[in-house]
Amino acid sequence: MQEYLVEITTTIPEGTEQSEVDARRAAEAVRAKELTASGNLVRLWRPVGELRSIGLWRARDEADLAANVLGTLPLHLWMSAKVTPVQSHPNDPGRPDADRG
């Protein structure tokens, strides 16, 4: 599977009922747990003081990421995403083959 760094900004349409926002956010939390269990969502961060998220995601390819991963999020229609394919750096201390000596 390919890894992707995804920056997501969610913009709630003006006039949206708070009950709908609350229901979608609750459903989003459930779906995030499912995507974590399936190995698609690896890590998720929120920059301090900002209403956006940055996540490390996995999918077969970018089309799979868009359609079958991000596209299944309950807040998807309100999201804009910047997707960057990433790969491990040779000096990444988290690499399984990194020299830990």
Protein backbone atom coordinates (compact mmCIF):
# COMPACT_ATOMS: atom_id res chain seq x y z
CA MET A 1 0.00 0.00 0.00
CA GLN A 2 1.09 3.55 -0.76
CA GLU A 3 1.21 6.16 2.02
CA TYR A 4 -0.21 9.67 1.70
CA LEU A 5 0.05 12.79 3.79
CA VAL A 6 -3.39 14.39 3.62
CA GLU A 7 -4.25 17.89 4.80
CA ILE A 8 -8.00 18.21 5.30
CA THR A 9 -9.96 21.39 5.85
CA THR A 10 -13.64 21.04 6.67
CA THR A 11 -15.95 23.95 5.95
CA ILE A 12 -19.48 23.62 7.24
CA PRO A 13 -21.96 25.23 4.86
CA GLU A 14 -23.67 28.29 6.23
CA GLY A 15 -27.15 27.54 7.50
CA THR A 16 -26.43 23.90 8.35
CA GLU A 17 -28.38 22.77 11.41
CA GLN A 18 -26.17 22.05 14.43
CA SER A 19 -27.91 18.69 14.84
CA GLU A 20 -26.67 17.65 11.37
CA VAL A 21 -23.14 18.82 12.17
CA ASP A 22 -23.18 16.87 15.46
CA ALA A 23 -24.52 13.72 13.77
CA ARG A 24 -21.90 13.86 11.00
CA ARG A 25 -19.08 14.45 13.50
CA ALA A 26 -20.21 11.46 15.57
CA ALA A 27 -20.40 9.31 12.43
CA GLU A 28 -16.96 10.63 11.39
CA ALA A 29 -15.45 9.36 14.65
CA VAL A 30 -16.94 5.90 14.07
CA ARG A 31 -15.69 5.79 10.47
CA ALA A 32 -12.20 6.93 11.53
CA LYS A 33 -12.03 3.96 13.93
CA GLU A 34 -13.07 1.62 11.11
CA LEU A 35 -10.44 3.07 8.77
CA THR A 36 -7.82 2.71 11.50
CA ALA A 37 -8.76 -0.94 11.99
CA SER A 38 -8.49 -1.57 8.24
CA GLY A 39 -5.03 0.05 8.13
CA ASN A 40 -6.08 3.02 5.99
CA LEU A 41 -5.76 5.67 8.70
CA VAL A 42 -2.33 5.51 10.36
CA ARG A 43 -2.03 8.82 12.26
CA LEU A 44 -4.07 11.99 12.57
CA TRP A 45 -3.03 15.39 13.92
CA ARG A 46 -4.65 18.80 14.34
CA PRO A 47 -2.34 21.82 14.17
CA VAL A 48 -2.64 23.84 17.38
CA GLY A 49 -5.26 26.56 17.03
CA GLU A 50 -6.44 25.46 13.58
CA LEU A 51 -9.59 23.77 12.33
CA ARG A 52 -7.92 21.38 9.93
CA SER A 53 -6.26 18.00 10.22
CA ILE A 54 -3.13 16.38 8.86
CA GLY A 55 -3.11 12.63 8.55
CA LEU A 56 -1.01 9.75 7.37
CA TRP A 57 -3.23 7.49 5.27
CA ARG A 58 -2.69 4.28 3.29
CA ALA A 59 -4.42 3.10 0.13
CA ARG A 60 -3.67 1.04 -2.97
CA ASP A 61 -3.36 4.22 -5.04
CA GLU A 62 -4.65 7.77 -5.13
CA ALA A 63 -7.92 6.75 -6.80
CA ASP A 64 -8.54 4.20 -4.03
CA LEU A 65 -7.73 6.85 -1.41
CA ALA A 66 -10.20 9.31 -2.94
CA ALA A 67 -13.07 6.91 -3.62
CA ASN A 68 -12.86 4.18 -1.02
CA VAL A 69 -11.19 5.90 1.91
CA LEU A 70 -11.65 9.68 2.08
CA GLY A 71 -14.83 9.49 0.03
CA THR A 72 -16.45 7.34 2.72
CA LEU A 73 -16.04 9.93 5.48
CA PRO A 74 -19.37 11.42 6.61
CA LEU A 75 -17.92 14.95 6.39
CA HIS A 76 -16.46 14.32 2.92
CA LEU A 77 -18.85 16.68 1.10
CA TRP A 78 -17.67 19.53 3.32
CA MET A 79 -13.95 18.74 2.98
CA SER A 80 -11.15 19.93 0.80
CA ALA A 81 -8.03 17.80 0.80
CA LYS A 82 -4.45 18.27 -0.29
CA VAL A 83 -2.96 14.83 -0.96
CA THR A 84 0.80 14.23 -1.09
CA PRO A 85 2.18 10.73 -1.80
CA VAL A 86 5.07 9.99 0.57
CA GLN A 87 7.68 7.31 1.02
CA SER A 88 10.09 6.50 3.80
CA HIS A 89 13.26 8.57 3.93
CA PRO A 90 16.56 6.64 4.18
CA ASN A 91 17.27 8.41 7.50
CA ASP A 92 13.79 7.87 8.98
CA PRO A 93 14.34 6.59 12.53
CA GLY A 94 10.97 4.79 12.30
CA ARG A 95 12.01 2.57 9.39
CA PRO A 96 11.98 -1.12 10.31
CA ASP A 97 15.52 -1.49 8.93
CA ALA A 98 16.88 1.70 10.62
CA ASP A 99 20.18 1.37 12.48
CA ARG A 100 19.26 1.62 16.14
CA GLY A 101 22.84 1.12 17.37
